[in-house]
Amino acid sequence: MIPAMPATAASSHRRRGHSRKNSARSSGGGAAPAKGSGAAKGSESAKGSVKGTAGNSVPATALRLGRLVAMGAITVLLLLAGVWGSWGSAQHVMLTKGREQGTVEVTRCGEDTCAGPYTPLSAGSTARARVVIEKSVAVRKGGVYTVVIKPGSDEVVRCGPAGVLYAWVPLGGALLLASVVVAGGLGRVRVGWVLAGSGIALLTAAFLAV
């Protein structure tokens, strides 16, 4: 016959088992919240980084757009200024229908202008003892040039191929300036080279013609 186990030993054994189960449960339950809190922190940090990146990209895009608009406006203004500066003389040289045409023999030159007698070539044009022409590389003392009289004045401008090319010299300079802005400010290097080449070709042709 097996002797009965003392009550104190049985109760002690039960308490040990119960404490082991509680410790296992507590350790398992504590791990889950730790994992959850880490994931939540990671998602919050990821959201914060995305918001920071988006916030930084907006000012950068605005600055880039503003620079492109400013450089584009400068380019347009330069070209318009070149056309405007050239058209003042080019309109008389290119639109010769109905205008008085003739020749001028330059007899004297001042600081800004030259002068000489005018001989008519077109029908209805009258001779003049003195007309004024702008002093430039296209006009020299002692030369005889084909000219067009500006309506309502005694001022003349040189006509013919040389006169046309020289009238557009301001546009050639504007093309060179615009090429720098387009290549450097807008980053369009090929377009900048095209503008620069056009300006150089125009200036070279004008000075060779005169």
Protein backbone atom coordinates (compact mmCIF):
# COMPACT_ATOMS: atom_id res chain seq x y z
CA MET A 1 0.00 0.00 0.00
CA ILE A 2 1.39 3.36 -1.19
CA PRO A 3 1.46 5.99 1.48
CA ALA A 4 -0.50 9.20 0.74
CA MET A 5 1.45 12.30 -0.37
CA PRO A 6 1.49 15.02 2.18
CA ALA A 7 -0.92 17.88 1.49
CA THR A 8 1.75 20.52 1.81
CA ALA A 9 3.86 18.92 -0.95
CA ALA A 10 0.89 18.65 -3.33
CA SER A 11 -0.15 22.25 -2.83
CA SER A 12 3.44 23.41 -3.32
CA HIS A 13 3.65 21.44 -6.59
CA ARG A 14 0.39 22.99 -7.82
CA ARG A 15 1.59 26.53 -7.01
CA ARG A 16 4.83 26.00 -8.93
CA GLY A 17 2.96 24.81 -12.02
CA HIS A 18 0.52 27.68 -11.84
CA SER A 19 3.33 30.24 -11.52
CA ARG A 20 5.11 28.76 -14.56
CA LYS A 21 1.95 29.06 -16.69
CA ASN A 22 1.42 32.66 -15.58
CA SER A 23 5.01 33.61 -16.39
CA ALA A 24 4.73 32.02 -19.84
CA ARG A 25 1.47 33.87 -20.53
CA SER A 26 2.88 37.17 -19.30
CA SER A 27 6.01 36.80 -21.45
CA GLY A 28 3.95 35.92 -24.55
CA GLY A 29 1.47 38.75 -24.02
CA GLY A 30 4.24 41.32 -23.51
CA ALA A 31 5.96 40.48 -26.82
CA ALA A 32 2.89 41.25 -28.94
CA PRO A 33 2.47 44.87 -27.84
CA ALA A 34 6.18 45.48 -28.40
CA LYS A 35 5.91 44.33 -31.99
CA GLY A 36 2.77 46.36 -32.57
CA SER A 37 4.29 49.54 -31.17
CA GLY A 38 7.42 49.13 -33.34
CA ALA A 39 5.32 48.72 -36.50
CA ALA A 40 3.23 51.75 -35.60
CA LYS A 41 6.34 53.85 -35.05
CA GLY A 42 7.80 52.65 -38.35
CA SER A 43 4.65 53.54 -40.27
CA GLU A 44 4.51 56.97 -38.65
CA SER A 45 8.16 57.66 -39.53
CA ALA A 46 7.56 56.50 -43.13
CA LYS A 47 4.56 58.79 -43.44
CA GLY A 48 6.60 61.67 -42.04
CA SER A 49 9.41 61.08 -44.55
CA VAL A 50 6.94 60.98 -47.46
CA LYS A 51 5.36 64.22 -46.32
CA GLY A 52 8.81 65.84 -45.97
CA THR A 53 9.83 64.75 -49.46
CA ALA A 54 6.59 66.06 -50.97
CA GLY A 55 6.97 69.34 -49.09
CA ASN A 56 10.53 69.81 -50.37
CA SER A 57 9.65 68.95 -53.98
CA VAL A 58 6.94 71.62 -54.23
CA PRO A 59 9.27 74.64 -53.66
CA ALA A 60 11.90 73.11 -55.95
CA THR A 61 9.36 72.69 -58.73
CA ALA A 62 8.09 76.24 -58.23
CA LEU A 63 11.61 77.65 -58.38
CA ARG A 64 12.40 75.67 -61.52
CA LEU A 65 9.20 76.83 -63.18
CA GLY A 66 9.84 80.44 -62.17
CA ARG A 67 13.36 80.31 -63.63
CA LEU A 68 12.09 78.90 -66.92
CA VAL A 69 9.40 81.58 -67.17
CA ALA A 70 11.90 84.36 -66.38
CA MET A 71 14.51 83.11 -68.87
CA GLY A 72 11.84 82.63 -71.53
CA ALA A 73 10.56 86.17 -71.01
CA ILE A 74 14.09 87.58 -71.27
CA THR A 75 14.67 85.67 -74.50
CA VAL A 76 11.44 86.96 -76.04
CA LEU A 77 12.24 90.54 -74.97
CA LEU A 78 15.72 90.35 -76.51
CA LEU A 79 14.36 89.09 -79.81
CA LEU A 80 11.58 91.66 -79.87
CA ALA A 81 14.09 94.44 -79.14
CA GLY A 82 16.26 93.19 -82.01
CA VAL A 83 13.34 93.13 -84.44
CA TRP A 84 12.17 96.57 -83.31
CA GLY A 85 15.65 98.07 -83.66
CA SER A 86 16.05 96.62 -87.15
CA TRP A 87 12.58 97.33 -88.49
CA GLY A 88 13.01 101.11 -88.22
CA SER A 89 15.38 100.99 -91.22
CA ALA A 90 14.42 97.62 -92.73
CA GLN A 91 10.85 98.72 -93.48
CA HIS A 92 12.11 101.46 -95.83
CA VAL A 93 14.65 99.16 -97.47
CA MET A 94 12.37 96.16 -97.97
CA LEU A 95 9.08 97.95 -98.70
CA THR A 96 10.31 100.19 -101.50
CA LYS A 97 7.11 100.31 -103.54
CA GLY A 98 5.94 103.90 -103.91
CA ARG A 99 9.08 105.34 -102.27
CA GLU A 100 11.64 107.66 -103.83
CA GLN A 101 14.80 105.85 -104.85
CA GLY A 102 18.06 107.26 -106.07
CA THR A 103 21.76 107.65 -105.32
CA VAL A 104 23.66 109.81 -102.88
CA GLU A 105 27.28 110.87 -103.16
CA VAL A 106 28.66 111.32 -99.66
CA THR A 107 30.68 114.52 -99.58
CA ARG A 108 31.10 115.08 -95.85
CA CYS A 109 30.56 113.26 -92.57
CA GLY A 110 30.04 114.42 -89.02
CA GLU A 111 30.00 112.48 -85.76
CA ASP A 112 26.69 110.72 -86.37
CA THR A 113 25.59 111.49 -89.94
CA CYS A 114 26.91 111.95 -93.44
CA ALA A 115 25.48 114.15 -96.20
CA GLY A 116 25.63 114.72 -99.94
CA PRO A 117 23.58 115.49 -103.05
CA TYR A 118 20.79 113.16 -104.10
CA THR A 119 20.19 112.03 -107.70
CA PRO A 120 16.76 110.43 -108.38
CA LEU A 121 16.36 107.05 -110.10
CA SER A 122 12.66 106.27 -109.65
CA ALA A 123 9.79 107.97 -111.43
CA GLY A 124 8.39 110.96 -109.58
CA SER A 125 11.47 111.45 -107.41
CA THR A 126 13.12 114.88 -107.42
CA ALA A 127 16.77 115.79 -107.06
CA ARG A 128 17.96 117.28 -103.78
CA ALA A 129 21.07 119.28 -103.09
CA ARG A 130 21.55 117.65 -99.72
CA VAL A 131 20.23 114.55 -98.00
CA VAL A 132 21.32 113.01 -94.71
CA ILE A 133 22.29 109.39 -94.12
CA GLU A 134 23.33 107.73 -90.87
CA LYS A 135 27.08 107.39 -90.43
CA SER A 136 28.06 103.72 -90.16
CA VAL A 137 30.41 101.11 -91.57
CA ALA A 138 28.02 100.90 -94.53
CA VAL A 139 28.65 104.56 -95.45
CA ARG A 140 32.00 106.20 -96.20
CA LYS A 141 32.98 109.66 -97.36
CA GLY A 142 33.41 109.76 -101.12
CA GLY A 143 31.19 106.74 -101.78
CA VAL A 144 28.11 106.64 -103.97
CA TYR A 145 25.23 104.55 -102.63
CA THR A 146 21.76 103.55 -103.77
CA VAL A 147 19.31 104.85 -101.22
CA VAL A 148 15.63 105.21 -100.38
CA ILE A 149 14.22 108.46 -99.00
CA LYS A 150 12.23 108.20 -95.79
CA PRO A 151 8.75 109.63 -96.43
CA GLY A 152 8.36 113.29 -95.48
CA SER A 153 12.02 113.94 -94.74
CA ASP A 154 15.46 114.45 -96.26
CA GLU A 155 16.83 111.36 -94.55
CA VAL A 156 17.83 108.35 -96.64
CA VAL A 157 18.78 104.77 -95.92
CA ARG A 158 20.97 102.54 -97.99
CA CYS A 159 19.03 99.96 -100.01
CA GLY A 160 19.92 96.90 -102.04
CA PRO A 161 21.29 93.61 -100.59
CA ALA A 162 23.88 95.41 -98.48
CA GLY A 163 21.27 97.78 -97.10
CA VAL A 164 18.88 94.94 -96.23
CA LEU A 165 21.57 92.96 -94.42
CA TYR A 166 22.88 95.98 -92.56
CA ALA A 167 19.38 96.98 -91.47
CA TRP A 168 19.01 93.64 -89.66
CA VAL A 169 22.31 93.92 -87.76
CA PRO A 170 20.53 94.74 -84.45
CA LEU A 171 18.61 91.48 -84.77
CA GLY A 172 21.89 89.62 -85.26
CA GLY A 173 23.19 91.02 -81.98
CA ALA A 174 19.93 90.10 -80.25
CA LEU A 175 20.23 86.53 -81.53
CA LEU A 176 23.69 86.22 -79.99
CA LEU A 177 22.47 87.51 -76.62
CA ALA A 178 19.39 85.29 -76.71
CA SER A 179 21.54 82.23 -77.46
CA VAL A 180 23.40 82.71 -74.16
CA VAL A 181 20.13 82.94 -72.22
CA VAL A 182 18.60 79.92 -73.96
CA ALA A 183 21.67 77.70 -73.52
CA GLY A 184 22.54 78.79 -69.97
CA GLY A 185 19.21 79.74 -68.45
CA LEU A 186 16.83 77.35 -70.19
CA GLY A 187 19.32 74.51 -70.70
CA ARG A 188 18.50 74.27 -74.44
CA VAL A 189 22.03 73.99 -75.73
CA ARG A 190 21.13 72.97 -79.27
CA VAL A 191 18.61 75.78 -79.64
CA GLY A 192 21.21 78.17 -78.24
CA TRP A 193 23.73 77.06 -80.87
CA VAL A 194 21.14 77.55 -83.62
CA LEU A 195 20.44 81.10 -82.44
CA ALA A 196 24.13 81.88 -82.11
CA GLY A 197 24.88 80.49 -85.55
CA SER A 198 22.07 82.54 -87.08
CA GLY A 199 23.30 85.72 -85.42
CA ILE A 200 26.91 85.15 -86.48
CA ALA A 201 25.87 84.35 -90.05
CA LEU A 202 23.74 87.51 -90.27
CA LEU A 203 26.45 89.78 -88.87
CA THR A 204 29.15 88.24 -91.05
CA ALA A 205 27.04 88.57 -94.21
CA ALA A 206 26.19 92.20 -93.39
CA PHE A 207 29.78 93.28 -92.87
CA LEU A 208 31.00 91.39 -95.94
CA ALA A 209 28.28 93.00 -98.06
CA VAL A 210 29.07 96.56 -97.01
